[in-house]
Amino acid sequence: GSTFSMGWYRQAPGKQRELVATISRGGSTNYGDSVKGR
């Protein structure tokens, strides 16, 4: 169904879940530092 914000998170073995990227319905984005530019 319709959503307001969507995003991706990741979790490596033995580590906490971390932000990868999010995007609002209007297209505003936010990235984790480790993935910016890639």
PDB file of all heavy atoms in Angstrom:
ATOM      1  N   GLY A   1       0.817  -1.192   0.000  1.00  0.00           N
ATOM      2  CA  GLY A   1       0.000   0.000   0.000  1.00  0.00           C
ATOM      3  C   GLY A   1       0.854   1.246   0.000  1.00  0.00           C
ATOM      4  O   GLY A   1       2.083   1.172  -0.060  1.00  0.00           O
ATOM      5  N   SER A   2       0.193   2.372   0.081  1.00  0.00           N
ATOM      6  CA  SER A   2       0.901   3.649   0.046  1.00  0.00           C
ATOM      7  C   SER A   2       1.699   3.868   1.321  1.00  0.00           C
ATOM      8  O   SER A   2       1.283   3.474   2.408  1.00  0.00           O
ATOM      9  CB  SER A   2      -0.121   4.779  -0.124  1.00  0.00           C
ATOM     10  OG  SER A   2       0.524   6.023  -0.174  1.00  0.00           O
ATOM     11  N   THR A   3       2.861   4.490   1.174  1.00  0.00           N
ATOM     12  CA  THR A   3       3.725   4.740   2.322  1.00  0.00           C
ATOM     13  C   THR A   3       4.163   6.192   2.353  1.00  0.00           C
ATOM     14  O   THR A   3       4.150   6.882   1.330  1.00  0.00           O
ATOM     15  CB  THR A   3       4.973   3.845   2.290  1.00  0.00           C
ATOM     16  OG1 THR A   3       5.750   4.189   1.141  1.00  0.00           O
ATOM     17  CG2 THR A   3       4.603   2.373   2.233  1.00  0.00           C
ATOM     18  N   PHE A   4       4.582   6.621   3.530  1.00  0.00           N
ATOM     19  CA  PHE A   4       5.113   7.962   3.684  1.00  0.00           C
ATOM     20  C   PHE A   4       6.623   7.954   3.424  1.00  0.00           C
ATOM     21  O   PHE A   4       7.120   8.641   2.557  1.00  0.00           O
ATOM     22  CB  PHE A   4       4.812   8.489   5.083  1.00  0.00           C
ATOM     23  CG  PHE A   4       5.444   9.815   5.368  1.00  0.00           C
ATOM     24  CD1 PHE A   4       5.063  10.946   4.670  1.00  0.00           C
ATOM     25  CD2 PHE A   4       6.435   9.939   6.331  1.00  0.00           C
ATOM     26  CE1 PHE A   4       5.653  12.179   4.914  1.00  0.00           C
ATOM     27  CE2 PHE A   4       7.035  11.165   6.574  1.00  0.00           C
ATOM     28  CZ  PHE A   4       6.645  12.281   5.871  1.00  0.00           C
ATOM     29  N   SER A   5       7.330   7.160   4.174  1.00  0.00           N
ATOM     30  CA  SER A   5       8.778   7.077   4.037  1.00  0.00           C
ATOM     31  C   SER A   5       9.163   5.613   3.860  1.00  0.00           C
ATOM     32  O   SER A   5       8.536   4.729   4.444  1.00  0.00           O
ATOM     33  CB  SER A   5       9.464   7.648   5.278  1.00  0.00           C
ATOM     34  OG  SER A   5      10.860   7.424   5.227  1.00  0.00           O
ATOM     35  N   MET A   6      10.176   5.379   3.052  1.00  0.00           N
ATOM     36  CA  MET A   6      10.701   4.022   2.894  1.00  0.00           C
ATOM     37  C   MET A   6      12.207   4.074   2.995  1.00  0.00           C
ATOM     38  O   MET A   6      12.829   5.121   2.737  1.00  0.00           O
ATOM     39  CB  MET A   6      10.281   3.415   1.552  1.00  0.00           C
ATOM     40  CG  MET A   6       8.777   3.268   1.398  1.00  0.00           C
ATOM     41  SD  MET A   6       8.301   2.393  -0.111  1.00  0.00           S
ATOM     42  CE  MET A   6       8.656   0.687   0.353  1.00  0.00           C
ATOM     43  N   GLY A   7      12.801   2.964   3.371  1.00  0.00           N
ATOM     44  CA  GLY A   7      14.242   2.967   3.496  1.00  0.00           C
ATOM     45  C   GLY A   7      14.836   1.584   3.581  1.00  0.00           C
ATOM     46  O   GLY A   7      14.115   0.581   3.603  1.00  0.00           O
ATOM     47  N   TRP A   8      16.134   1.576   3.614  1.00  0.00           N
ATOM     48  CA  TRP A   8      16.905   0.344   3.728  1.00  0.00           C
ATOM     49  C   TRP A   8      17.827   0.426   4.938  1.00  0.00           C
ATOM     50  O   TRP A   8      18.449   1.461   5.190  1.00  0.00           O
ATOM     51  CB  TRP A   8      17.743   0.106   2.470  1.00  0.00           C
ATOM     52  CG  TRP A   8      16.931  -0.208   1.259  1.00  0.00           C
ATOM     53  CD1 TRP A   8      16.487   0.669   0.311  1.00  0.00           C
ATOM     54  CD2 TRP A   8      16.449  -1.493   0.866  1.00  0.00           C
ATOM     55  NE1 TRP A   8      15.761   0.017  -0.643  1.00  0.00           N
ATOM     56  CE2 TRP A   8      15.719  -1.323  -0.332  1.00  0.00           C
ATOM     57  CE3 TRP A   8      16.553  -2.777   1.402  1.00  0.00           C
ATOM     58  CZ2 TRP A   8      15.105  -2.383  -0.995  1.00  0.00           C
ATOM     59  CZ3 TRP A   8      15.946  -3.833   0.739  1.00  0.00           C
ATOM     60  CH2 TRP A   8      15.228  -3.634  -0.446  1.00  0.00           C
ATOM     61  N   TYR A   9      17.899  -0.670   5.656  1.00  0.00           N
ATOM     62  CA  TYR A   9      18.803  -0.834   6.780  1.00  0.00           C
ATOM     63  C   TYR A   9      19.542  -2.145   6.557  1.00  0.00           C
ATOM     64  O   TYR A   9      19.090  -2.996   5.794  1.00  0.00           O
ATOM     65  CB  TYR A   9      18.026  -0.860   8.099  1.00  0.00           C
ATOM     66  CG  TYR A   9      17.353   0.450   8.411  1.00  0.00           C
ATOM     67  CD1 TYR A   9      16.198   0.848   7.743  1.00  0.00           C
ATOM     68  CD2 TYR A   9      17.874   1.310   9.378  1.00  0.00           C
ATOM     69  CE1 TYR A   9      15.590   2.063   8.006  1.00  0.00           C
ATOM     70  CE2 TYR A   9      17.262   2.528   9.660  1.00  0.00           C
ATOM     71  CZ  TYR A   9      16.131   2.893   8.976  1.00  0.00           C
ATOM     72  OH  TYR A   9      15.535   4.094   9.229  1.00  0.00           O
ATOM     73  N   ARG A  10      20.661  -2.310   7.241  1.00  0.00           N
ATOM     74  CA  ARG A  10      21.383  -3.566   7.088  1.00  0.00           C
ATOM     75  C   ARG A  10      21.947  -4.017   8.429  1.00  0.00           C
ATOM     76  O   ARG A  10      22.190  -3.202   9.322  1.00  0.00           O
ATOM     77  CB  ARG A  10      22.505  -3.423   6.068  1.00  0.00           C
ATOM     78  CG  ARG A  10      23.644  -2.498   6.483  1.00  0.00           C
ATOM     79  CD  ARG A  10      24.618  -2.311   5.321  1.00  0.00           C
ATOM     80  NE  ARG A  10      25.761  -1.488   5.707  1.00  0.00           N
ATOM     81  CZ  ARG A  10      26.702  -1.072   4.862  1.00  0.00           C
ATOM     82  NH1 ARG A  10      26.628  -1.415   3.560  1.00  0.00           N
ATOM     83  NH2 ARG A  10      27.706  -0.334   5.280  1.00  0.00           N
ATOM     84  N   GLN A  11      22.145  -5.312   8.524  1.00  0.00           N
ATOM     85  CA  GLN A  11      22.696  -5.886   9.746  1.00  0.00           C
ATOM     86  C   GLN A  11      23.684  -6.978   9.382  1.00  0.00           C
ATOM     87  O   GLN A  11      23.316  -7.981   8.756  1.00  0.00           O
ATOM     88  CB  GLN A  11      21.590  -6.442  10.635  1.00  0.00           C
ATOM     89  CG  GLN A  11      22.070  -6.882  11.998  1.00  0.00           C
ATOM     90  CD  GLN A  11      20.934  -7.102  12.970  1.00  0.00           C
ATOM     91  OE1 GLN A  11      19.774  -7.257  12.588  1.00  0.00           O
ATOM     92  NE2 GLN A  11      21.248  -7.094  14.255  1.00  0.00           N
ATOM     93  N   ALA A  12      24.929  -6.754   9.765  1.00  0.00           N
ATOM     94  CA  ALA A  12      25.976  -7.747   9.568  1.00  0.00           C
ATOM     95  C   ALA A  12      26.057  -8.628  10.809  1.00  0.00           C
ATOM     96  O   ALA A  12      25.645  -8.216  11.899  1.00  0.00           O
ATOM     97  CB  ALA A  12      27.308  -7.051   9.312  1.00  0.00           C
ATOM     98  N   PRO A  13      26.599  -9.825  10.667  1.00  0.00           N
ATOM     99  CA  PRO A  13      26.705 -10.724  11.834  1.00  0.00           C
ATOM    100  C   PRO A  13      27.449 -10.064  12.991  1.00  0.00           C
ATOM    101  O   PRO A  13      28.535  -9.500  12.810  1.00  0.00           O
ATOM    102  CB  PRO A  13      27.493 -11.909  11.273  1.00  0.00           C
ATOM    103  CG  PRO A  13      27.191 -11.916   9.818  1.00  0.00           C
ATOM    104  CD  PRO A  13      27.072 -10.468   9.436  1.00  0.00           C
ATOM    105  N   GLY A  14      26.860 -10.131  14.158  1.00  0.00           N
ATOM    106  CA  GLY A  14      27.494  -9.582  15.344  1.00  0.00           C
ATOM    107  C   GLY A  14      27.431  -8.076  15.479  1.00  0.00           C
ATOM    108  O   GLY A  14      28.022  -7.510  16.406  1.00  0.00           O
ATOM    109  N   LYS A  15      26.728  -7.423  14.566  1.00  0.00           N
ATOM    110  CA  LYS A  15      26.636  -5.958  14.599  1.00  0.00           C
ATOM    111  C   LYS A  15      25.189  -5.511  14.715  1.00  0.00           C
ATOM    112  O   LYS A  15      24.265  -6.271  14.426  1.00  0.00           O
ATOM    113  CB  LYS A  15      27.280  -5.362  13.352  1.00  0.00           C
ATOM    114  CG  LYS A  15      28.775  -5.602  13.252  1.00  0.00           C
ATOM    115  CD  LYS A  15      29.371  -4.836  12.087  1.00  0.00           C
ATOM    116  CE  LYS A  15      30.887  -5.008  12.027  1.00  0.00           C
ATOM    117  NZ  LYS A  15      31.481  -4.232  10.903  1.00  0.00           N
ATOM    118  N   GLN A  16      25.019  -4.270  15.103  1.00  0.00           N
ATOM    119  CA  GLN A  16      23.678  -3.706  15.194  1.00  0.00           C
ATOM    120  C   GLN A  16      23.161  -3.330  13.810  1.00  0.00           C
ATOM    121  O   GLN A  16      23.939  -3.065  12.895  1.00  0.00           O
ATOM    122  CB  GLN A  16      23.698  -2.463  16.095  1.00  0.00           C
ATOM    123  CG  GLN A  16      23.922  -2.764  17.565  1.00  0.00           C
ATOM    124  CD  GLN A  16      23.749  -1.530  18.429  1.00  0.00           C
ATOM    125  OE1 GLN A  16      24.022  -0.416  17.996  1.00  0.00           O
ATOM    126  NE2 GLN A  16      23.281  -1.726  19.643  1.00  0.00           N
ATOM    127  N   ARG A  17      21.848  -3.311  13.706  1.00  0.00           N
ATOM    128  CA  ARG A  17      21.244  -2.868  12.456  1.00  0.00           C
ATOM    129  C   ARG A  17      21.555  -1.382  12.266  1.00  0.00           C
ATOM    130  O   ARG A  17      21.456  -0.589  13.204  1.00  0.00           O
ATOM    131  CB  ARG A  17      19.731  -3.100  12.486  1.00  0.00           C
ATOM    132  CG  ARG A  17      19.053  -2.928  11.155  1.00  0.00           C
ATOM    133  CD  ARG A  17      17.600  -3.392  11.218  1.00  0.00           C
ATOM    134  NE  ARG A  17      17.498  -4.832  11.497  1.00  0.00           N
ATOM    135  CZ  ARG A  17      16.357  -5.510  11.437  1.00  0.00           C
ATOM    136  NH1 ARG A  17      15.242  -4.889  11.075  1.00  0.00           N
ATOM    137  NH2 ARG A  17      16.338  -6.790  11.719  1.00  0.00           N
ATOM    138  N   GLU A  18      21.928  -1.011  11.044  1.00  0.00           N
ATOM    139  CA  GLU A  18      22.300   0.372  10.782  1.00  0.00           C
ATOM    140  C   GLU A  18      21.574   0.920   9.565  1.00  0.00           C
ATOM    141  O   GLU A  18      21.164   0.178   8.668  1.00  0.00           O
ATOM    142  CB  GLU A  18      23.814   0.498  10.552  1.00  0.00           C
ATOM    143  CG  GLU A  18      24.329  -0.208   9.321  1.00  0.00           C
ATOM    144  CD  GLU A  18      25.808   0.067   9.048  1.00  0.00           C
ATOM    145  OE1 GLU A  18      26.437   0.832   9.807  1.00  0.00           O
ATOM    146  OE2 GLU A  18      26.317  -0.491   8.073  1.00  0.00           O
ATOM    147  N   LEU A  19      21.453   2.219   9.551  1.00  0.00           N
ATOM    148  CA  LEU A  19      20.820   2.913   8.430  1.00  0.00           C
ATOM    149  C   LEU A  19      21.676   2.799   7.178  1.00  0.00           C
ATOM    150  O   LEU A  19      22.889   3.014   7.219  1.00  0.00           O
ATOM    151  CB  LEU A  19      20.640   4.390   8.773  1.00  0.00           C
ATOM    152  CG  LEU A  19      20.287   5.320   7.616  1.00  0.00           C
ATOM    153  CD1 LEU A  19      18.857   5.083   7.171  1.00  0.00           C
ATOM    154  CD2 LEU A  19      20.498   6.772   8.012  1.00  0.00           C
ATOM    155  N   VAL A  20      21.020   2.491   6.070  1.00  0.00           N
ATOM    156  CA  VAL A  20      21.671   2.586   4.772  1.00  0.00           C
ATOM    157  C   VAL A  20      21.180   3.841   4.060  1.00  0.00           C
ATOM    158  O   VAL A  20      21.968   4.715   3.709  1.00  0.00           O
ATOM    159  CB  VAL A  20      21.389   1.336   3.908  1.00  0.00           C
ATOM    160  CG1 VAL A  20      21.999   1.503   2.517  1.00  0.00           C
ATOM    161  CG2 VAL A  20      21.930   0.076   4.596  1.00  0.00           C
ATOM    162  N   ALA A  21      19.867   3.923   3.858  1.00  0.00           N
ATOM    163  CA  ALA A  21      19.301   5.091   3.183  1.00  0.00           C
ATOM    164  C   ALA A  21      17.793   5.133   3.384  1.00  0.00           C
ATOM    165  O   ALA A  21      17.155   4.084   3.532  1.00  0.00           O
ATOM    166  CB  ALA A  21      19.614   5.062   1.684  1.00  0.00           C
ATOM    167  N   THR A  22      17.253   6.333   3.397  1.00  0.00           N
ATOM    168  CA  THR A  22      15.809   6.514   3.448  1.00  0.00           C
ATOM    169  C   THR A  22      15.392   7.527   2.399  1.00  0.00           C
ATOM    170  O   THR A  22      16.209   8.346   1.947  1.00  0.00           O
ATOM    171  CB  THR A  22      15.334   7.000   4.821  1.00  0.00           C
ATOM    172  OG1 THR A  22      15.918   8.271   5.095  1.00  0.00           O
ATOM    173  CG2 THR A  22      15.700   6.016   5.918  1.00  0.00           C
ATOM    174  N   ILE A  23      14.119   7.449   2.019  1.00  0.00           N
ATOM    175  CA  ILE A  23      13.576   8.394   1.044  1.00  0.00           C
ATOM    176  C   ILE A  23      12.125   8.675   1.404  1.00  0.00           C
ATOM    177  O   ILE A  23      11.361   7.759   1.701  1.00  0.00           O
ATOM    178  CB  ILE A  23      13.718   7.845  -0.390  1.00  0.00           C
ATOM    179  CG1 ILE A  23      13.251   8.891  -1.412  1.00  0.00           C
ATOM    180  CG2 ILE A  23      12.981   6.521  -0.581  1.00  0.00           C
ATOM    181  CD1 ILE A  23      13.640   8.547  -2.849  1.00  0.00           C
ATOM    182  N   SER A  24      11.767   9.944   1.394  1.00  0.00           N
ATOM    183  CA  SER A  24      10.394  10.331   1.688  1.00  0.00           C
ATOM    184  C   SER A  24       9.537  10.209   0.431  1.00  0.00           C
ATOM    185  O   SER A  24      10.061  10.037  -0.683  1.00  0.00           O
ATOM    186  CB  SER A  24      10.354  11.773   2.193  1.00  0.00           C
ATOM    187  OG  SER A  24      10.640  12.664   1.121  1.00  0.00           O
ATOM    188  N   ARG A  25       8.253  10.331   0.602  1.00  0.00           N
ATOM    189  CA  ARG A  25       7.357  10.249  -0.538  1.00  0.00           C
ATOM    190  C   ARG A  25       7.658  11.367  -1.542  1.00  0.00           C
ATOM    191  O   ARG A  25       7.499  11.186  -2.750  1.00  0.00           O
ATOM    192  CB  ARG A  25       5.906  10.311  -0.077  1.00  0.00           C
ATOM    193  CG  ARG A  25       4.904  10.063  -1.190  1.00  0.00           C
ATOM    194  CD  ARG A  25       3.498   9.871  -0.669  1.00  0.00           C
ATOM    195  NE  ARG A  25       2.587   9.557  -1.768  1.00  0.00           N
ATOM    196  CZ  ARG A  25       2.422   8.354  -2.280  1.00  0.00           C
ATOM    197  NH1 ARG A  25       3.099   7.324  -1.771  1.00  0.00           N
ATOM    198  NH2 ARG A  25       1.595   8.153  -3.274  1.00  0.00           N
ATOM    199  N   GLY A  26       8.120  12.483  -1.029  1.00  0.00           N
ATOM    200  CA  GLY A  26       8.448  13.606  -1.896  1.00  0.00           C
ATOM    201  C   GLY A  26       9.822  13.527  -2.536  1.00  0.00           C
ATOM    202  O   GLY A  26      10.182  14.364  -3.359  1.00  0.00           O
ATOM    203  N   GLY A  27      10.623  12.512  -2.124  1.00  0.00           N
ATOM    204  CA  GLY A  27      11.916  12.306  -2.758  1.00  0.00           C
ATOM    205  C   GLY A  27      13.114  12.775  -1.960  1.00  0.00           C
ATOM    206  O   GLY A  27      14.251  12.667  -2.431  1.00  0.00           O
ATOM    207  N   SER A  28      12.904  13.278  -0.756  1.00  0.00           N
ATOM    208  CA  SER A  28      14.039  13.670   0.079  1.00  0.00           C
ATOM    209  C   SER A  28      14.767  12.423   0.570  1.00  0.00           C
ATOM    210  O   SER A  28      14.144  11.469   1.023  1.00  0.00           O
ATOM    211  CB  SER A  28      13.560  14.483   1.277  1.00  0.00           C
ATOM    212  OG  SER A  28      12.969  15.684   0.839  1.00  0.00           O
ATOM    213  N   THR A  29      16.090  12.458   0.476  1.00  0.00           N
ATOM    214  CA  THR A  29      16.886  11.276   0.808  1.00  0.00           C
ATOM    215  C   THR A  29      17.838  11.528   1.968  1.00  0.00           C
ATOM    216  O   THR A  29      18.223  12.669   2.248  1.00  0.00           O
ATOM    217  CB  THR A  29      17.698  10.806  -0.405  1.00  0.00           C
ATOM    218  OG1 THR A  29      18.561  11.871  -0.830  1.00  0.00           O
ATOM    219  CG2 THR A  29      16.787  10.412  -1.557  1.00  0.00           C
ATOM    220  N   ASN A  30      18.225  10.439   2.600  1.00  0.00           N
ATOM    221  CA  ASN A  30      19.191  10.476   3.685  1.00  0.00           C
ATOM    222  C   ASN A  30      20.018   9.197   3.596  1.00  0.00           C
ATOM    223  O   ASN A  30      19.458   8.115   3.378  1.00  0.00           O
ATOM    224  CB  ASN A  30      18.483  10.543   5.044  1.00  0.00           C
ATOM    225  CG  ASN A  30      19.456  10.637   6.191  1.00  0.00           C
ATOM    226  OD1 ASN A  30      20.427  11.372   6.130  1.00  0.00           O
ATOM    227  ND2 ASN A  30      19.205   9.881   7.248  1.00  0.00           N
ATOM    228  N   TYR A  31      21.342   9.317   3.731  1.00  0.00           N
ATOM    229  CA  TYR A  31      22.229   8.169   3.589  1.00  0.00           C
ATOM    230  C   TYR A  31      23.111   7.981   4.820  1.00  0.00           C
ATOM    231  O   TYR A  31      23.526   8.953   5.455  1.00  0.00           O
ATOM    232  CB  TYR A  31      23.156   8.342   2.373  1.00  0.00           C
ATOM    233  CG  TYR A  31      22.441   8.295   1.043  1.00  0.00           C
ATOM    234  CD1 TYR A  31      21.975   9.458   0.445  1.00  0.00           C
ATOM    235  CD2 TYR A  31      22.239   7.087   0.389  1.00  0.00           C
ATOM    236  CE1 TYR A  31      21.316   9.422  -0.776  1.00  0.00           C
ATOM    237  CE2 TYR A  31      21.584   7.034  -0.829  1.00  0.00           C
ATOM    238  CZ  TYR A  31      21.129   8.207  -1.403  1.00  0.00           C
ATOM    239  OH  TYR A  31      20.479   8.161  -2.622  1.00  0.00           O
ATOM    240  N   GLY A  32      23.434   6.729   5.092  1.00  0.00           N
ATOM    241  CA  GLY A  32      24.442   6.453   6.092  1.00  0.00           C
ATOM    242  C   GLY A  32      25.807   6.864   5.560  1.00  0.00           C
ATOM    243  O   GLY A  32      26.055   6.793   4.349  1.00  0.00           O
ATOM    244  N   ASP A  33      26.689   7.257   6.457  1.00  0.00           N
ATOM    245  CA  ASP A  33      27.993   7.770   6.026  1.00  0.00           C
ATOM    246  C   ASP A  33      28.788   6.747   5.212  1.00  0.00           C
ATOM    247  O   ASP A  33      29.508   7.117   4.281  1.00  0.00           O
ATOM    248  CB  ASP A  33      28.807   8.195   7.247  1.00  0.00           C
ATOM    249  CG  ASP A  33      28.278   9.461   7.892  1.00  0.00           C
ATOM    250  OD1 ASP A  33      27.530  10.208   7.222  1.00  0.00           O
ATOM    251  OD2 ASP A  33      28.603   9.710   9.071  1.00  0.00           O
ATOM    252  N   SER A  34      28.649   5.485   5.542  1.00  0.00           N
ATOM    253  CA  SER A  34      29.481   4.470   4.896  1.00  0.00           C
ATOM    254  C   SER A  34      29.072   4.181   3.452  1.00  0.00           C
ATOM    255  O   SER A  34      29.830   3.535   2.719  1.00  0.00           O
ATOM    256  CB  SER A  34      29.437   3.176   5.702  1.00  0.00           C
ATOM    257  OG  SER A  34      28.125   2.674   5.758  1.00  0.00           O
ATOM    258  N   VAL A  35      27.911   4.644   3.032  1.00  0.00           N
ATOM    259  CA  VAL A  35      27.448   4.337   1.679  1.00  0.00           C
ATOM    260  C   VAL A  35      27.317   5.576   0.795  1.00  0.00           C
ATOM    261  O   VAL A  35      27.013   5.454  -0.393  1.00  0.00           O
ATOM    262  CB  VAL A  35      26.112   3.569   1.695  1.00  0.00           C
ATOM    263  CG1 VAL A  35      26.216   2.330   2.580  1.00  0.00           C
ATOM    264  CG2 VAL A  35      24.957   4.455   2.134  1.00  0.00           C
ATOM    265  N   LYS A  36      27.528   6.741   1.362  1.00  0.00           N
ATOM    266  CA  LYS A  36      27.398   7.973   0.580  1.00  0.00           C
ATOM    267  C   LYS A  36      28.329   7.950  -0.629  1.00  0.00           C
ATOM    268  O   LYS A  36      29.499   7.601  -0.516  1.00  0.00           O
ATOM    269  CB  LYS A  36      27.709   9.189   1.458  1.00  0.00           C
ATOM    270  CG  LYS A  36      26.611   9.525   2.448  1.00  0.00           C
ATOM    271  CD  LYS A  36      26.983  10.737   3.293  1.00  0.00           C
ATOM    272  CE  LYS A  36      25.887  11.065   4.291  1.00  0.00           C
ATOM    273  NZ  LYS A  36      26.258  12.191   5.181  1.00  0.00           N
ATOM    274  N   GLY A  37      27.776   8.309  -1.773  1.00  0.00           N
ATOM    275  CA  GLY A  37      28.565   8.335  -2.996  1.00  0.00           C
ATOM    276  C   GLY A  37      28.629   7.010  -3.732  1.00  0.00           C
ATOM    277  O   GLY A  37      29.084   6.956  -4.878  1.00  0.00           O
ATOM    278  N   ARG A  38      28.171   5.927  -3.088  1.00  0.00           N
ATOM    279  CA  ARG A  38      28.199   4.607  -3.729  1.00  0.00           C
ATOM    280  C   ARG A  38      26.795   4.042  -3.945  1.00  0.00           C
ATOM    281  O   ARG A  38      26.560   3.341  -4.924  1.00  0.00           O
ATOM    282  CB  ARG A  38      29.015   3.618  -2.881  1.00  0.00           C
ATOM    283  CG  ARG A  38      30.450   4.021  -2.670  1.00  0.00           C
ATOM    284  CD  ARG A  38      31.228   2.909  -1.961  1.00  0.00           C
ATOM    285  NE  ARG A  38      30.707   2.612  -0.641  1.00  0.00           N
ATOM    286  CZ  ARG A  38      30.309   1.410  -0.243  1.00  0.00           C
ATOM    287  NH1 ARG A  38      30.379   0.381  -1.067  1.00  0.00           N
ATOM    288  NH2 ARG A  38      29.852   1.224   0.993  1.00  0.00           N
TER     289      ARG A  38
END
